[in-house]
């Protein structure tokens, strides 16, 4: 029986962990939600119902046509959005949340509420940490959330 070196054991552990993370449902969902435009598009569709491509482009400032199309295709692929094409001149393309997409909205809203409430605390913690790392001042203890 051959023994493995520490480096080989670490490499094997990394391969196993990467396989686990690739299959992990939470990790996979966070990858979808981590897309820059995903939550904005989901929120706009939740607020407005069915929207045309051009309406979404206007409702999400800063998104390029290419990124909007790619993001919507990803959401369609994931079953969160349906795309309906109406043959006309020009062609009309409408997007609507699916039942699965609608079920994600309360979760996105909870994350947004948490961020609105706690990002200032995280920013302050980062500032304290960075100052401590630079030797300017020791980090202050975090305040209690309770």
Protein backbone atom coordinates (compact mmCIF):
# COMPACT_ATOMS: atom_id res chain seq x y z
CA UNK A 1 0.00 0.00 0.00
CA UNK A 2 1.36 3.39 -0.98
CA UNK A 3 1.18 6.27 1.41
CA UNK A 4 0.29 9.74 0.27
CA UNK A 5 2.33 12.82 0.96
CA UNK A 6 0.72 15.77 2.71
CA UNK A 7 0.58 17.64 -0.59
CA UNK A 8 -1.18 14.69 -2.27
CA UNK A 9 -3.68 14.47 0.61
CA UNK A 10 -4.40 18.21 0.31
CA UNK A 11 -4.84 17.88 -3.46
CA UNK A 12 -7.21 14.94 -3.02
CA UNK A 13 -9.16 16.80 -0.33
CA UNK A 14 -9.49 19.81 -2.66
CA UNK A 15 -10.84 17.63 -5.49
CA UNK A 16 -13.38 16.07 -3.11
CA UNK A 17 -14.39 19.46 -1.70
CA UNK A 18 -14.76 20.99 -5.17
CA UNK A 19 -17.02 18.06 -6.18
CA UNK A 20 -19.09 18.57 -3.03
CA UNK A 21 -19.44 22.32 -3.65
CA UNK A 22 -20.44 21.74 -7.27
CA UNK A 23 -23.27 19.46 -6.13
CA UNK A 24 -24.29 21.49 -3.04
CA UNK A 25 -27.78 22.98 -3.61
CA UNK A 26 -27.11 26.03 -1.45
CA UNK A 27 -23.85 26.78 -3.23
CA UNK A 28 -25.52 26.38 -6.61
CA UNK A 29 -28.36 28.77 -5.63
CA UNK A 30 -25.91 31.33 -4.25
CA UNK A 31 -24.04 31.22 -7.56
CA UNK A 32 -27.28 32.13 -9.36
CA UNK A 33 -28.18 34.88 -6.88
CA UNK A 34 -24.62 36.17 -6.94
CA UNK A 35 -24.99 37.19 -10.57
CA UNK A 36 -24.90 40.99 -10.67
CA UNK A 37 -28.25 41.34 -12.44
CA UNK A 38 -30.25 38.33 -11.19
CA UNK A 39 -31.86 39.80 -8.09
CA UNK A 40 -32.59 43.10 -9.83
CA UNK A 41 -34.36 41.31 -12.67
CA UNK A 42 -36.29 39.03 -10.31
CA UNK A 43 -37.39 42.04 -8.24
CA UNK A 44 -38.49 44.04 -11.29
CA UNK A 45 -40.54 41.12 -12.61
CA UNK A 46 -42.05 40.55 -9.15
CA UNK A 47 -43.01 44.23 -8.89
CA UNK A 48 -44.33 44.67 -12.44
CA UNK A 49 -45.47 41.25 -13.63
CA UNK A 50 -44.85 40.41 -17.27
CA UNK A 51 -42.36 42.76 -18.89
CA UNK A 52 -40.91 43.17 -22.36
CA UNK A 53 -37.19 43.04 -22.96
CA UNK A 54 -37.03 46.80 -23.60
CA UNK A 55 -39.02 47.53 -20.43
CA UNK A 56 -36.59 45.46 -18.39
CA UNK A 57 -33.67 47.27 -20.01
CA UNK A 58 -35.17 50.60 -18.89
CA UNK A 59 -36.05 49.26 -15.43
CA UNK A 60 -32.49 48.05 -14.72
CA UNK A 61 -30.17 50.99 -15.39
CA UNK A 62 -26.64 50.10 -16.35
CA UNK A 63 -27.29 46.66 -17.79
CA UNK A 64 -26.12 46.24 -21.37
CA UNK A 65 -28.37 44.55 -23.91
CA UNK A 66 -25.96 41.62 -24.08
CA UNK A 67 -25.88 41.13 -20.28
CA UNK A 68 -29.64 41.53 -20.00
CA UNK A 69 -30.17 38.85 -22.65
CA UNK A 70 -27.61 36.51 -21.07
CA UNK A 71 -29.06 36.99 -17.59
CA UNK A 72 -32.63 36.40 -18.78
CA UNK A 73 -31.55 33.27 -20.65
CA UNK A 74 -29.89 31.99 -17.48
CA UNK A 75 -33.02 32.65 -15.46
CA UNK A 76 -35.11 30.92 -18.12
CA UNK A 77 -32.71 27.94 -18.12
CA UNK A 78 -32.99 27.74 -14.31
CA UNK A 79 -36.80 27.71 -14.54
CA UNK A 80 -37.22 31.05 -12.76
CA UNK A 81 -38.52 33.01 -15.76
CA UNK A 82 -40.57 32.14 -18.83
CA UNK A 83 -40.04 33.79 -22.18
CA UNK A 84 -42.94 34.31 -24.56
CA UNK A 85 -42.33 35.38 -28.15
CA UNK A 86 -45.16 37.07 -30.04
CA UNK A 87 -44.62 37.02 -33.79
CA UNK A 88 -45.05 40.60 -34.89
CA UNK A 89 -43.01 43.26 -36.61
CA UNK A 90 -40.92 43.83 -34.62
CA UNK A 91 -41.00 40.59 -32.62
CA UNK A 92 -42.29 41.06 -29.07
CA UNK A 93 -40.56 39.13 -26.28
CA UNK A 94 -42.16 39.06 -22.83
CA UNK A 95 -40.71 37.69 -19.60
CA UNK A 96 -42.67 36.49 -16.57
CA UNK A 97 -41.68 34.89 -13.28
CA UNK A 98 -42.55 31.22 -13.00
CA UNK A 99 -44.04 29.73 -9.83
CA UNK A 100 -40.50 28.65 -8.94
CA UNK A 101 -39.25 32.21 -9.51
CA UNK A 102 -42.06 33.64 -7.41
CA UNK A 103 -41.14 31.28 -4.57
CA UNK A 104 -37.65 32.81 -4.51
CA UNK A 105 -38.87 36.41 -4.08
CA UNK A 106 -39.45 36.25 -0.27
CA UNK A 107 -35.91 34.90 0.17
CA UNK A 108 -34.44 37.68 -1.97
CA UNK A 109 -36.50 40.21 0.01
CA UNK A 110 -35.18 38.84 3.31
CA UNK A 111 -31.58 39.10 2.08
CA UNK A 112 -32.25 42.66 0.92
CA UNK A 113 -33.76 43.63 4.29
CA UNK A 114 -30.78 42.10 6.11
CA UNK A 115 -28.36 43.99 3.86
CA UNK A 116 -30.20 47.29 4.33
CA UNK A 117 -30.08 46.81 8.10
CA UNK A 118 -26.57 45.39 8.55
CA UNK A 119 -24.29 46.56 5.74
CA UNK A 120 -23.38 49.73 7.68
CA UNK A 121 -22.24 47.44 10.52
CA UNK A 122 -20.18 45.36 8.10
CA UNK A 123 -18.66 48.51 6.60
CA UNK A 124 -17.73 49.74 10.07
CA UNK A 125 -16.22 46.36 10.96
CA UNK A 126 -14.15 46.41 7.77
CA UNK A 127 -12.91 49.90 8.53
CA UNK A 128 -11.91 48.85 12.08
CA UNK A 129 -10.23 45.72 10.77
CA UNK A 130 -8.33 47.57 8.05
CA UNK A 131 -7.19 50.19 10.54
CA UNK A 132 -5.99 47.44 12.88
CA UNK A 133 -4.15 45.69 10.06
CA UNK A 134 -2.43 48.94 9.17
CA UNK A 135 -1.37 49.35 12.81
CA UNK A 136 -3.49 52.47 13.24
CA UNK A 137 -5.75 51.28 16.01
CA UNK A 138 -6.85 48.00 17.56
CA UNK A 139 -10.17 46.72 16.25
CA UNK A 140 -13.11 47.59 18.49
CA UNK A 141 -15.45 44.79 19.56
CA UNK A 142 -18.57 44.30 17.44
CA UNK A 143 -21.84 45.45 18.95
CA UNK A 144 -24.45 42.91 19.92
CA UNK A 145 -27.32 42.30 17.51
CA UNK A 146 -29.64 41.23 20.30
